Amino acid sequence: MKNLPACPVEVTVMFISDRWKILILRDLMDGTKRFSELKKSLGTISQKVLTSNLRTMESYEILTRTVYPVVPPKVEYSLTPLGYSLKPVIDSMAAWGEHFKEKTSI
C-alpha cells in the first residue's frame, strides 16, 4: 500500500478500473456471497481469475473471507465497511450507464 499514487482519483481508478473487481463489488453490495454464487453471477470469469481477484481485494481489506469448518468446505465473502464505502461510486456508475444507454444509439 505504500506505493500508491499521490492522487486520490488515480488510487480509485487503479482499483476500480479492473472489470472483475468492480463487478465483484457490485455483487457483494447486496450481501454475503459464496464463491459459486459469485462465479455464476460473473459468467465468463475463470476460477483462477476470480480467486486471484478475491485474494487481492481481501489483502486491500475491501472484503473478508470466512471459512466454515464443514464438509464440504463452505467459504463466504462479505464487504468490509471500507468495501461498502464504494457504494456511492458504484451507484454513480450505474446511473451514468443508464443515462448513457438512453442517450446513445450504440
PDB file of N, CA and C in Angstrom:
ATOM      1  N   MET A   1       0.806  -1.200   0.000  1.00  0.00           N
ATOM      2  CA  MET A   1       0.000   0.000   0.000  1.00  0.00           C
ATOM      3  C   MET A   1       0.852   1.268   0.000  1.00  0.00           C
ATOM      4  N   LYS A   2       2.119   1.131   0.325  1.00  0.00           N
ATOM      5  CA  LYS A   2       2.985   2.300   0.390  1.00  0.00           C
ATOM      6  C   LYS A   2       3.309   2.857  -0.983  1.00  0.00           C
ATOM      7  N   ASN A   3       3.096   2.079  -2.037  1.00  0.00           N
ATOM      8  CA  ASN A   3       3.428   2.524  -3.387  1.00  0.00           C
ATOM      9  C   ASN A   3       2.224   3.094  -4.125  1.00  0.00           C
ATOM     10  N   LEU A   4       1.229   3.549  -3.398  1.00  0.00           N
ATOM     11  CA  LEU A   4       0.045   4.108  -4.038  1.00  0.00           C
ATOM     12  C   LEU A   4       0.360   5.482  -4.617  1.00  0.00           C
ATOM     13  N   PRO A   5      -0.327   5.836  -5.714  1.00  0.00           N
ATOM     14  CA  PRO A   5      -0.139   7.164  -6.300  1.00  0.00           C
ATOM     15  C   PRO A   5      -0.542   8.263  -5.321  1.00  0.00           C
ATOM     16  N   ALA A   6       0.021   9.430  -5.503  1.00  0.00           N
ATOM     17  CA  ALA A   6      -0.297  10.567  -4.634  1.00  0.00           C
ATOM     18  C   ALA A   6      -1.715  11.079  -4.877  1.00  0.00           C
ATOM     19  N   CYS A   7      -2.183  10.976  -6.103  1.00  0.00           N
ATOM     20  CA  CYS A   7      -3.509  11.492  -6.474  1.00  0.00           C
ATOM     21  C   CYS A   7      -4.602  10.508  -6.032  1.00  0.00           C
ATOM     22  N   PRO A   8      -5.569  10.954  -5.204  1.00  0.00           N
ATOM     23  CA  PRO A   8      -6.626  10.057  -4.748  1.00  0.00           C
ATOM     24  C   PRO A   8      -7.526   9.539  -5.881  1.00  0.00           C
ATOM     25  N   VAL A   9      -7.721  10.344  -6.923  1.00  0.00           N
ATOM     26  CA  VAL A   9      -8.511   9.883  -8.067  1.00  0.00           C
ATOM     27  C   VAL A   9      -7.790   8.724  -8.750  1.00  0.00           C
ATOM     28  N   GLU A  10      -6.488   8.835  -8.895  1.00  0.00           N
ATOM     29  CA  GLU A  10      -5.702   7.772  -9.511  1.00  0.00           C
ATOM     30  C   GLU A  10      -5.748   6.491  -8.678  1.00  0.00           C
ATOM     31  N   VAL A  11      -5.741   6.629  -7.361  1.00  0.00           N
ATOM     32  CA  VAL A  11      -5.846   5.461  -6.480  1.00  0.00           C
ATOM     33  C   VAL A  11      -7.179   4.752  -6.729  1.00  0.00           C
ATOM     34  N   THR A  12      -8.261   5.522  -6.777  1.00  0.00           N
ATOM     35  CA  THR A  12      -9.582   4.940  -7.005  1.00  0.00           C
ATOM     36  C   THR A  12      -9.659   4.270  -8.365  1.00  0.00           C
ATOM     37  N   VAL A  13      -9.190   4.948  -9.395  1.00  0.00           N
ATOM     38  CA  VAL A  13      -9.210   4.382 -10.747  1.00  0.00           C
ATOM     39  C   VAL A  13      -8.350   3.129 -10.813  1.00  0.00           C
ATOM     40  N   MET A  14      -7.214   3.144 -10.148  1.00  0.00           N
ATOM     41  CA  MET A  14      -6.335   1.979 -10.137  1.00  0.00           C
ATOM     42  C   MET A  14      -7.085   0.763  -9.603  1.00  0.00           C
ATOM     43  N   PHE A  15      -7.903   0.978  -8.596  1.00  0.00           N
ATOM     44  CA  PHE A  15      -8.614  -0.139  -8.010  1.00  0.00           C
ATOM     45  C   PHE A  15      -9.838  -0.541  -8.818  1.00  0.00           C
ATOM     46  N   ILE A  16     -10.695   0.396  -9.184  1.00  0.00           N
ATOM     47  CA  ILE A  16     -11.963   0.025  -9.815  1.00  0.00           C
ATOM     48  C   ILE A  16     -11.890  -0.119 -11.326  1.00  0.00           C
ATOM     49  N   SER A  17     -10.750   0.179 -11.927  1.00  0.00           N
ATOM     50  CA  SER A  17     -10.667   0.054 -13.384  1.00  0.00           C
ATOM     51  C   SER A  17     -10.615  -1.406 -13.828  1.00  0.00           C
ATOM     52  N   ASP A  18     -10.357  -2.311 -12.898  1.00  0.00           N
ATOM     53  CA  ASP A  18     -10.361  -3.726 -13.220  1.00  0.00           C
ATOM     54  C   ASP A  18     -11.807  -4.197 -13.354  1.00  0.00           C
ATOM     55  N   ARG A  19     -12.134  -4.757 -14.503  1.00  0.00           N
ATOM     56  CA  ARG A  19     -13.502  -5.184 -14.795  1.00  0.00           C
ATOM     57  C   ARG A  19     -14.064  -6.102 -13.718  1.00  0.00           C
ATOM     58  N   TRP A  20     -13.289  -7.076 -13.309  1.00  0.00           N
ATOM     59  CA  TRP A  20     -13.813  -8.079 -12.381  1.00  0.00           C
ATOM     60  C   TRP A  20     -13.995  -7.521 -10.978  1.00  0.00           C
ATOM     61  N   LYS A  21     -13.081  -6.699 -10.516  1.00  0.00           N
ATOM     62  CA  LYS A  21     -13.199  -6.171  -9.161  1.00  0.00           C
ATOM     63  C   LYS A  21     -14.466  -5.337  -9.000  1.00  0.00           C
ATOM     64  N   ILE A  22     -14.765  -4.525  -9.969  1.00  0.00           N
ATOM     65  CA  ILE A  22     -15.946  -3.674  -9.857  1.00  0.00           C
ATOM     66  C   ILE A  22     -17.214  -4.516  -9.896  1.00  0.00           C
ATOM     67  N   LEU A  23     -17.214  -5.595 -10.681  1.00  0.00           N
ATOM     68  CA  LEU A  23     -18.388  -6.466 -10.736  1.00  0.00           C
ATOM     69  C   LEU A  23     -18.521  -7.307  -9.468  1.00  0.00           C
ATOM     70  N   ILE A  24     -17.407  -7.706  -8.890  1.00  0.00           N
ATOM     71  CA  ILE A  24     -17.449  -8.408  -7.601  1.00  0.00           C
ATOM     72  C   ILE A  24     -18.024  -7.473  -6.541  1.00  0.00           C
ATOM     73  N   LEU A  25     -17.575  -6.229  -6.527  1.00  0.00           N
ATOM     74  CA  LEU A  25     -18.124  -5.238  -5.596  1.00  0.00           C
ATOM     75  C   LEU A  25     -19.622  -5.086  -5.796  1.00  0.00           C
ATOM     76  N   ARG A  26     -20.040  -4.975  -7.040  1.00  0.00           N
ATOM     77  CA  ARG A  26     -21.472  -4.835  -7.354  1.00  0.00           C
ATOM     78  C   ARG A  26     -22.262  -5.985  -6.737  1.00  0.00           C
ATOM     79  N   ASP A  27     -21.763  -7.198  -6.922  1.00  0.00           N
ATOM     80  CA  ASP A  27     -22.482  -8.369  -6.421  1.00  0.00           C
ATOM     81  C   ASP A  27     -22.500  -8.440  -4.901  1.00  0.00           C
ATOM     82  N   LEU A  28     -21.412  -8.040  -4.264  1.00  0.00           N
ATOM     83  CA  LEU A  28     -21.334  -8.118  -2.804  1.00  0.00           C
ATOM     84  C   LEU A  28     -22.064  -6.974  -2.104  1.00  0.00           C
ATOM     85  N   MET A  29     -22.441  -5.926  -2.837  1.00  0.00           N
ATOM     86  CA  MET A  29     -23.208  -4.833  -2.235  1.00  0.00           C
ATOM     87  C   MET A  29     -24.533  -5.344  -1.694  1.00  0.00           C
ATOM     88  N   ASP A  30     -25.064  -6.421  -2.293  1.00  0.00           N
ATOM     89  CA  ASP A  30     -26.341  -7.000  -1.859  1.00  0.00           C
ATOM     90  C   ASP A  30     -26.188  -7.899  -0.645  1.00  0.00           C
ATOM     91  N   GLY A  31     -24.961  -8.214  -0.254  1.00  0.00           N
ATOM     92  CA  GLY A  31     -24.740  -9.060   0.912  1.00  0.00           C
ATOM     93  C   GLY A  31     -23.734 -10.163   0.647  1.00  0.00           C
ATOM     94  N   THR A  32     -23.560 -11.002   1.626  1.00  0.00           N
ATOM     95  CA  THR A  32     -22.591 -12.092   1.606  1.00  0.00           C
ATOM     96  C   THR A  32     -22.906 -13.073   0.475  1.00  0.00           C
ATOM     97  N   LYS A  33     -21.837 -13.537  -0.186  1.00  0.00           N
ATOM     98  CA  LYS A  33     -21.979 -14.498  -1.277  1.00  0.00           C
ATOM     99  C   LYS A  33     -20.936 -15.594  -1.141  1.00  0.00           C
ATOM    100  N   ARG A  34     -21.295 -16.770  -1.623  1.00  0.00           N
ATOM    101  CA  ARG A  34     -20.347 -17.867  -1.704  1.00  0.00           C
ATOM    102  C   ARG A  34     -19.603 -17.757  -3.031  1.00  0.00           C
ATOM    103  N   PHE A  35     -18.459 -18.436  -3.112  1.00  0.00           N
ATOM    104  CA  PHE A  35     -17.633 -18.411  -4.319  1.00  0.00           C
ATOM    105  C   PHE A  35     -18.458 -18.803  -5.544  1.00  0.00           C
ATOM    106  N   SER A  36     -19.225 -19.879  -5.428  1.00  0.00           N
ATOM    107  CA  SER A  36     -20.004 -20.373  -6.570  1.00  0.00           C
ATOM    108  C   SER A  36     -21.052 -19.359  -7.014  1.00  0.00           C
ATOM    109  N   GLU A  37     -21.623 -18.616  -6.074  1.00  0.00           N
ATOM    110  CA  GLU A  37     -22.608 -17.591  -6.435  1.00  0.00           C
ATOM    111  C   GLU A  37     -21.945 -16.464  -7.219  1.00  0.00           C
ATOM    112  N   LEU A  38     -20.764 -16.064  -6.780  1.00  0.00           N
ATOM    113  CA  LEU A  38     -20.034 -15.018  -7.495  1.00  0.00           C
ATOM    114  C   LEU A  38     -19.657 -15.487  -8.895  1.00  0.00           C
ATOM    115  N   LYS A  39     -19.133 -16.695  -8.987  1.00  0.00           N
ATOM    116  CA  LYS A  39     -18.715 -17.226 -10.287  1.00  0.00           C
ATOM    117  C   LYS A  39     -19.896 -17.291 -11.248  1.00  0.00           C
ATOM    118  N   LYS A  40     -21.027 -17.748 -10.768  1.00  0.00           N
ATOM    119  CA  LYS A  40     -22.227 -17.846 -11.614  1.00  0.00           C
ATOM    120  C   LYS A  40     -22.687 -16.460 -12.069  1.00  0.00           C
ATOM    121  N   SER A  41     -22.671 -15.497 -11.162  1.00  0.00           N
ATOM    122  CA  SER A  41     -23.112 -14.141 -11.492  1.00  0.00           C
ATOM    123  C   SER A  41     -22.192 -13.471 -12.507  1.00  0.00           C
ATOM    124  N   LEU A  42     -20.889 -13.742 -12.396  1.00  0.00           N
ATOM    125  CA  LEU A  42     -19.910 -13.095 -13.269  1.00  0.00           C
ATOM    126  C   LEU A  42     -19.789 -13.776 -14.622  1.00  0.00           C
ATOM    127  N   GLY A  43     -20.288 -14.970 -14.749  1.00  0.00           N
ATOM    128  CA  GLY A  43     -20.349 -15.640 -16.047  1.00  0.00           C
ATOM    129  C   GLY A  43     -19.027 -16.142 -16.577  1.00  0.00           C
ATOM    130  N   THR A  44     -18.353 -15.352 -17.365  1.00  0.00           N
ATOM    131  CA  THR A  44     -17.183 -15.823 -18.117  1.00  0.00           C
ATOM    132  C   THR A  44     -15.876 -15.805 -17.338  1.00  0.00           C
ATOM    133  N   ILE A  45     -15.898 -15.411 -16.087  1.00  0.00           N
ATOM    134  CA  ILE A  45     -14.660 -15.361 -15.304  1.00  0.00           C
ATOM    135  C   ILE A  45     -14.194 -16.788 -14.989  1.00  0.00           C
ATOM    136  N   SER A  46     -12.893 -17.002 -15.069  1.00  0.00           N
ATOM    137  CA  SER A  46     -12.356 -18.318 -14.721  1.00  0.00           C
ATOM    138  C   SER A  46     -12.220 -18.414 -13.197  1.00  0.00           C
ATOM    139  N   GLN A  47     -12.152 -19.626 -12.702  1.00  0.00           N
ATOM    140  CA  GLN A  47     -11.984 -19.841 -11.271  1.00  0.00           C
ATOM    141  C   GLN A  47     -10.682 -19.219 -10.780  1.00  0.00           C
ATOM    142  N   LYS A  48      -9.631 -19.352 -11.575  1.00  0.00           N
ATOM    143  CA  LYS A  48      -8.326 -18.809 -11.210  1.00  0.00           C
ATOM    144  C   LYS A  48      -8.367 -17.285 -11.092  1.00  0.00           C
ATOM    145  N   VAL A  49      -8.994 -16.629 -12.055  1.00  0.00           N
ATOM    146  CA  VAL A  49      -9.070 -15.166 -12.051  1.00  0.00           C
ATOM    147  C   VAL A  49      -9.943 -14.685 -10.901  1.00  0.00           C
ATOM    148  N   LEU A  50     -11.066 -15.363 -10.640  1.00  0.00           N
ATOM    149  CA  LEU A  50     -11.918 -14.970  -9.528  1.00  0.00           C
ATOM    150  C   LEU A  50     -11.173 -15.121  -8.211  1.00  0.00           C
ATOM    151  N   THR A  51     -10.502 -16.230  -8.030  1.00  0.00           N
ATOM    152  CA  THR A  51      -9.727 -16.457  -6.806  1.00  0.00           C
ATOM    153  C   THR A  51      -8.672 -15.373  -6.618  1.00  0.00           C
ATOM    154  N   SER A  52      -7.966 -15.041  -7.683  1.00  0.00           N
ATOM    155  CA  SER A  52      -6.923 -14.020  -7.621  1.00  0.00           C
ATOM    156  C   SER A  52      -7.505 -12.662  -7.226  1.00  0.00           C
ATOM    157  N   ASN A  53      -8.621 -12.294  -7.848  1.00  0.00           N
ATOM    158  CA  ASN A  53      -9.246 -11.005  -7.534  1.00  0.00           C
ATOM    159  C   ASN A  53      -9.759 -10.970  -6.099  1.00  0.00           C
ATOM    160  N   LEU A  54     -10.359 -12.053  -5.645  1.00  0.00           N
ATOM    161  CA  LEU A  54     -10.852 -12.098  -4.272  1.00  0.00           C
ATOM    162  C   LEU A  54      -9.694 -11.981  -3.275  1.00  0.00           C
ATOM    163  N   ARG A  55      -8.592 -12.653  -3.553  1.00  0.00           N
ATOM    164  CA  ARG A  55      -7.426 -12.563  -2.659  1.00  0.00           C
ATOM    165  C   ARG A  55      -6.865 -11.146  -2.627  1.00  0.00           C
ATOM    166  N   THR A  56      -6.796 -10.516  -3.782  1.00  0.00           N
ATOM    167  CA  THR A  56      -6.296  -9.141  -3.844  1.00  0.00           C
ATOM    168  C   THR A  56      -7.209  -8.203  -3.056  1.00  0.00           C
ATOM    169  N   MET A  57      -8.508  -8.358  -3.252  1.00  0.00           N
ATOM    170  CA  MET A  57      -9.463  -7.496  -2.555  1.00  0.00           C
ATOM    171  C   MET A  57      -9.423  -7.738  -1.041  1.00  0.00           C
ATOM    172  N   GLU A  58      -9.186  -8.979  -0.652  1.00  0.00           N
ATOM    173  CA  GLU A  58      -9.036  -9.286   0.771  1.00  0.00           C
ATOM    174  C   GLU A  58      -7.776  -8.619   1.322  1.00  0.00           C
ATOM    175  N   SER A  59      -6.695  -8.641   0.553  1.00  0.00           N
ATOM    176  CA  SER A  59      -5.453  -8.012   1.012  1.00  0.00           C
ATOM    177  C   SER A  59      -5.594  -6.489   1.123  1.00  0.00           C
ATOM    178  N   TYR A  60      -6.484  -5.892   0.322  1.00  0.00           N
ATOM    179  CA  TYR A  60      -6.765  -4.454   0.399  1.00  0.00           C
ATOM    180  C   TYR A  60      -7.762  -4.131   1.513  1.00  0.00           C
ATOM    181  N   GLU A  61      -8.264  -5.184   2.182  1.00  0.00           N
ATOM    182  CA  GLU A  61      -9.263  -5.050   3.241  1.00  0.00           C
ATOM    183  C   GLU A  61     -10.583  -4.491   2.722  1.00  0.00           C
ATOM    184  N   ILE A  62     -10.901  -4.836   1.473  1.00  0.00           N
ATOM    185  CA  ILE A  62     -12.159  -4.454   0.843  1.00  0.00           C
ATOM    186  C   ILE A  62     -13.233  -5.488   1.173  1.00  0.00           C
ATOM    187  N   LEU A  63     -12.811  -6.739   1.331  1.00  0.00           N
ATOM    188  CA  LEU A  63     -13.745  -7.799   1.684  1.00  0.00           C
ATOM    189  C   LEU A  63     -13.103  -8.756   2.683  1.00  0.00           C
ATOM    190  N   THR A  64     -13.964  -9.554   3.299  1.00  0.00           N
ATOM    191  CA  THR A  64     -13.484 -10.587   4.216  1.00  0.00           C
ATOM    192  C   THR A  64     -13.889 -11.943   3.672  1.00  0.00           C
ATOM    193  N   ARG A  65     -13.075 -12.909   3.976  1.00  0.00           N
ATOM    194  CA  ARG A  65     -13.300 -14.293   3.572  1.00  0.00           C
ATOM    195  C   ARG A  65     -13.509 -15.092   4.851  1.00  0.00           C
ATOM    196  N   THR A  66     -14.655 -15.757   4.941  1.00  0.00           N
ATOM    197  CA  THR A  66     -14.956 -16.565   6.117  1.00  0.00           C
ATOM    198  C   THR A  66     -15.038 -18.024   5.696  1.00  0.00           C
ATOM    199  N   VAL A  67     -14.226 -18.861   6.340  1.00  0.00           N
ATOM    200  CA  VAL A  67     -14.204 -20.291   6.054  1.00  0.00           C
ATOM    201  C   VAL A  67     -14.891 -21.012   7.211  1.00  0.00           C
ATOM    202  N   TYR A  68     -15.873 -21.839   6.884  1.00  0.00           N
ATOM    203  CA  TYR A  68     -16.593 -22.613   7.887  1.00  0.00           C
ATOM    204  C   TYR A  68     -16.044 -24.038   7.910  1.00  0.00           C
ATOM    205  N   PRO A  69     -15.781 -24.580   9.094  1.00  0.00           N
ATOM    206  CA  PRO A  69     -15.194 -25.918   9.204  1.00  0.00           C
ATOM    207  C   PRO A  69     -16.244 -27.025   9.030  1.00  0.00           C
ATOM    208  N   VAL A  70     -16.741 -27.147   7.812  1.00  0.00           N
ATOM    209  CA  VAL A  70     -17.713 -28.185   7.488  1.00  0.00           C
ATOM    210  C   VAL A  70     -17.232 -28.937   6.262  1.00  0.00           C
ATOM    211  N   VAL A  71     -17.857 -30.094   6.013  1.00  0.00           N
ATOM    212  CA  VAL A  71     -17.541 -30.869   4.821  1.00  0.00           C
ATOM    213  C   VAL A  71     -18.816 -30.948   3.992  1.00  0.00           C
ATOM    214  N   PRO A  72     -18.798 -30.522   2.728  1.00  0.00           N
ATOM    215  CA  PRO A  72     -17.677 -29.886   2.037  1.00  0.00           C
ATOM    216  C   PRO A  72     -17.424 -28.480   2.590  1.00  0.00           C
ATOM    217  N   PRO A  73     -16.209 -27.959   2.365  1.00  0.00           N
ATOM    218  CA  PRO A  73     -15.870 -26.635   2.895  1.00  0.00           C
ATOM    219  C   PRO A  73     -16.835 -25.556   2.402  1.00  0.00           C
ATOM    220  N   LYS A  74     -17.158 -24.654   3.282  1.00  0.00           N
ATOM    221  CA  LYS A  74     -18.036 -23.534   2.946  1.00  0.00           C
ATOM    222  C   LYS A  74     -17.245 -22.252   3.159  1.00  0.00           C
ATOM    223  N   VAL A  75     -17.169 -21.436   2.108  1.00  0.00           N
ATOM    224  CA  VAL A  75     -16.443 -20.166   2.168  1.00  0.00           C
ATOM    225  C   VAL A  75     -17.394 -19.067   1.718  1.00  0.00           C
ATOM    226  N   GLU A  76     -17.445 -17.993   2.482  1.00  0.00           N
ATOM    227  CA  GLU A  76     -18.290 -16.856   2.137  1.00  0.00           C
ATOM    228  C   GLU A  76     -17.459 -15.578   2.091  1.00  0.00           C
ATOM    229  N   TYR A  77     -17.896 -14.673   1.234  1.00  0.00           N
ATOM    230  CA  TYR A  77     -17.227 -13.381   1.054  1.00  0.00           C
ATOM    231  C   TYR A  77     -18.213 -12.271   1.379  1.00  0.00           C
ATOM    232  N   SER A  78     -17.739 -11.291   2.133  1.00  0.00           N
ATOM    233  CA  SER A  78     -18.551 -10.136   2.526  1.00  0.00           C
ATOM    234  C   SER A  78     -17.705  -8.881   2.412  1.00  0.00           C
ATOM    235  N   LEU A  79     -18.359  -7.776   2.128  1.00  0.00           N
ATOM    236  CA  LEU A  79     -17.646  -6.499   2.092  1.00  0.00           C
ATOM    237  C   LEU A  79     -17.371  -6.010   3.503  1.00  0.00           C
ATOM    238  N   THR A  80     -16.254  -5.362   3.658  1.00  0.00           N
ATOM    239  CA  THR A  80     -15.920  -4.671   4.903  1.00  0.00           C
ATOM    240  C   THR A  80     -16.551  -3.275   4.842  1.00  0.00           C
ATOM    241  N   PRO A  81     -16.527  -2.531   5.928  1.00  0.00           N
ATOM    242  CA  PRO A  81     -17.003  -1.143   5.848  1.00  0.00           C
ATOM    243  C   PRO A  81     -16.266  -0.349   4.757  1.00  0.00           C
ATOM    244  N   LEU A  82     -14.979  -0.618   4.589  1.00  0.00           N
ATOM    245  CA  LEU A  82     -14.229   0.061   3.517  1.00  0.00           C
ATOM    246  C   LEU A  82     -14.793  -0.318   2.149  1.00  0.00           C
ATOM    247  N   GLY A  83     -15.127  -1.578   1.965  1.00  0.00           N
ATOM    248  CA  GLY A  83     -15.735  -2.021   0.708  1.00  0.00           C
ATOM    249  C   GLY A  83     -17.081  -1.369   0.470  1.00  0.00           C
ATOM    250  N   TYR A  84     -17.906  -1.323   1.526  1.00  0.00           N
ATOM    251  CA  TYR A  84     -19.212  -0.672   1.393  1.00  0.00           C
ATOM    252  C   TYR A  84     -19.090   0.820   1.117  1.00  0.00           C
ATOM    253  N   SER A  85     -17.968   1.418   1.492  1.00  0.00           N
ATOM    254  CA  SER A  85     -17.796   2.855   1.239  1.00  0.00           C
ATOM    255  C   SER A  85     -17.716   3.160  -0.256  1.00  0.00           C
ATOM    256  N   LEU A  86     -17.539   2.131  -1.089  1.00  0.00           N
ATOM    257  CA  LEU A  86     -17.532   2.320  -2.545  1.00  0.00           C
ATOM    258  C   LEU A  86     -18.938   2.329  -3.149  1.00  0.00           C
ATOM    259  N   LYS A  87     -19.959   2.127  -2.336  1.00  0.00           N
ATOM    260  CA  LYS A  87     -21.337   2.097  -2.844  1.00  0.00           C
ATOM    261  C   LYS A  87     -21.717   3.361  -3.618  1.00  0.00           C
ATOM    262  N   PRO A  88     -21.428   4.566  -3.115  1.00  0.00           N
ATOM    263  CA  PRO A  88     -21.784   5.757  -3.901  1.00  0.00           C
ATOM    264  C   PRO A  88     -21.098   5.787  -5.267  1.00  0.00           C
ATOM    265  N   VAL A  89     -19.887   5.286  -5.345  1.00  0.00           N
ATOM    266  CA  VAL A  89     -19.157   5.246  -6.623  1.00  0.00           C
ATOM    267  C   VAL A  89     -19.871   4.293  -7.584  1.00  0.00           C
ATOM    268  N   ILE A  90     -20.218   3.110  -7.095  1.00  0.00           N
ATOM    269  CA  ILE A  90     -20.889   2.119  -7.943  1.00  0.00           C
ATOM    270  C   ILE A  90     -22.276   2.605  -8.338  1.00  0.00           C
ATOM    271  N   ASP A  91     -23.001   3.221  -7.400  1.00  0.00           N
ATOM    272  CA  ASP A  91     -24.317   3.772  -7.716  1.00  0.00           C
ATOM    273  C   ASP A  91     -24.216   4.854  -8.789  1.00  0.00           C
ATOM    274  N   SER A  92     -23.200   5.700  -8.699  1.00  0.00           N
ATOM    275  CA  SER A  92     -23.000   6.741  -9.712  1.00  0.00           C
ATOM    276  C   SER A  92     -22.672   6.135 -11.075  1.00  0.00           C
ATOM    277  N   MET A  93     -21.856   5.081 -11.065  1.00  0.00           N
ATOM    278  CA  MET A  93     -21.526   4.414 -12.326  1.00  0.00           C
ATOM    279  C   MET A  93     -22.772   3.790 -12.952  1.00  0.00           C
ATOM    280  N   ALA A  94     -23.621   3.193 -12.122  1.00  0.00           N
ATOM    281  CA  ALA A  94     -24.858   2.585 -12.628  1.00  0.00           C
ATOM    282  C   ALA A  94     -25.779   3.658 -13.215  1.00  0.00           C
ATOM    283  N   ALA A  95     -25.911   4.773 -12.521  1.00  0.00           N
ATOM    284  CA  ALA A  95     -26.767   5.860 -13.013  1.00  0.00           C
ATOM    285  C   ALA A  95     -26.235   6.419 -14.325  1.00  0.00           C
ATOM    286  N   TRP A  96     -24.925   6.605 -14.409  1.00  0.00           N
ATOM    287  CA  TRP A  96     -24.341   7.119 -15.642  1.00  0.00           C
ATOM    288  C   TRP A  96     -24.543   6.117 -16.775  1.00  0.00           C
ATOM    289  N   GLY A  97     -24.366   4.835 -16.487  1.00  0.00           N
ATOM    290  CA  GLY A  97     -24.556   3.806 -17.508  1.00  0.00           C
ATOM    291  C   GLY A  97     -25.980   3.805 -18.046  1.00  0.00           C
ATOM    292  N   GLU A  98     -26.954   3.959 -17.163  1.00  0.00           N
ATOM    293  CA  GLU A  98     -28.350   4.039 -17.605  1.00  0.00           C
ATOM    294  C   GLU A  98     -28.570   5.271 -18.469  1.00  0.00           C
ATOM    295  N   HIS A  99     -28.031   6.401 -18.040  1.00  0.00           N
ATOM    296  CA  HIS A  99     -28.144   7.647 -18.801  1.00  0.00           C
ATOM    297  C   HIS A  99     -27.515   7.475 -20.191  1.00  0.00           C
ATOM    298  N   PHE A 100     -26.334   6.870 -20.237  1.00  0.00           N
ATOM    299  CA  PHE A 100     -25.642   6.661 -21.498  1.00  0.00           C
ATOM    300  C   PHE A 100     -26.475   5.781 -22.436  1.00  0.00           C
ATOM    301  N   LYS A 101     -27.028   4.707 -21.888  1.00  0.00           N
ATOM    302  CA  LYS A 101     -27.849   3.802 -22.711  1.00  0.00           C
ATOM    303  C   LYS A 101     -29.059   4.518 -23.287  1.00  0.00           C
ATOM    304  N   GLU A 102     -29.643   5.439 -22.534  1.00  0.00           N
ATOM    305  CA  GLU A 102     -30.810   6.183 -23.003  1.00  0.00           C
ATOM    306  C   GLU A 102     -30.445   7.210 -24.082  1.00  0.00           C
ATOM    307  N   LYS A 103     -29.249   7.779 -23.990  1.00  0.00           N
ATOM    308  CA  LYS A 103     -28.869   8.906 -24.861  1.00  0.00           C
ATOM    309  C   LYS A 103     -28.086   8.510 -26.102  1.00  0.00           C
ATOM    310  N   THR A 104     -27.720   7.263 -26.231  1.00  0.00           N
ATOM    311  CA  THR A 104     -26.889   6.866 -27.365  1.00  0.00           C
ATOM    312  C   THR A 104     -27.582   5.771 -28.161  1.00  0.00           C
ATOM    313  N   SER A 105     -27.179   5.626 -29.374  1.00  0.00           N
ATOM    314  CA  SER A 105     -27.753   4.589 -30.232  1.00  0.00           C
ATOM    315  C   SER A 105     -26.761   3.451 -30.460  1.00  0.00           C
ATOM    316  N   ILE A 106     -25.738   3.379 -29.634  1.00  0.00           N
ATOM    317  CA  ILE A 106     -24.729   2.326 -29.779  1.00  0.00           C
ATOM    318  C   ILE A 106     -25.319   0.976 -29.434  1.00  0.00           C
TER     319      ILE A 106
END
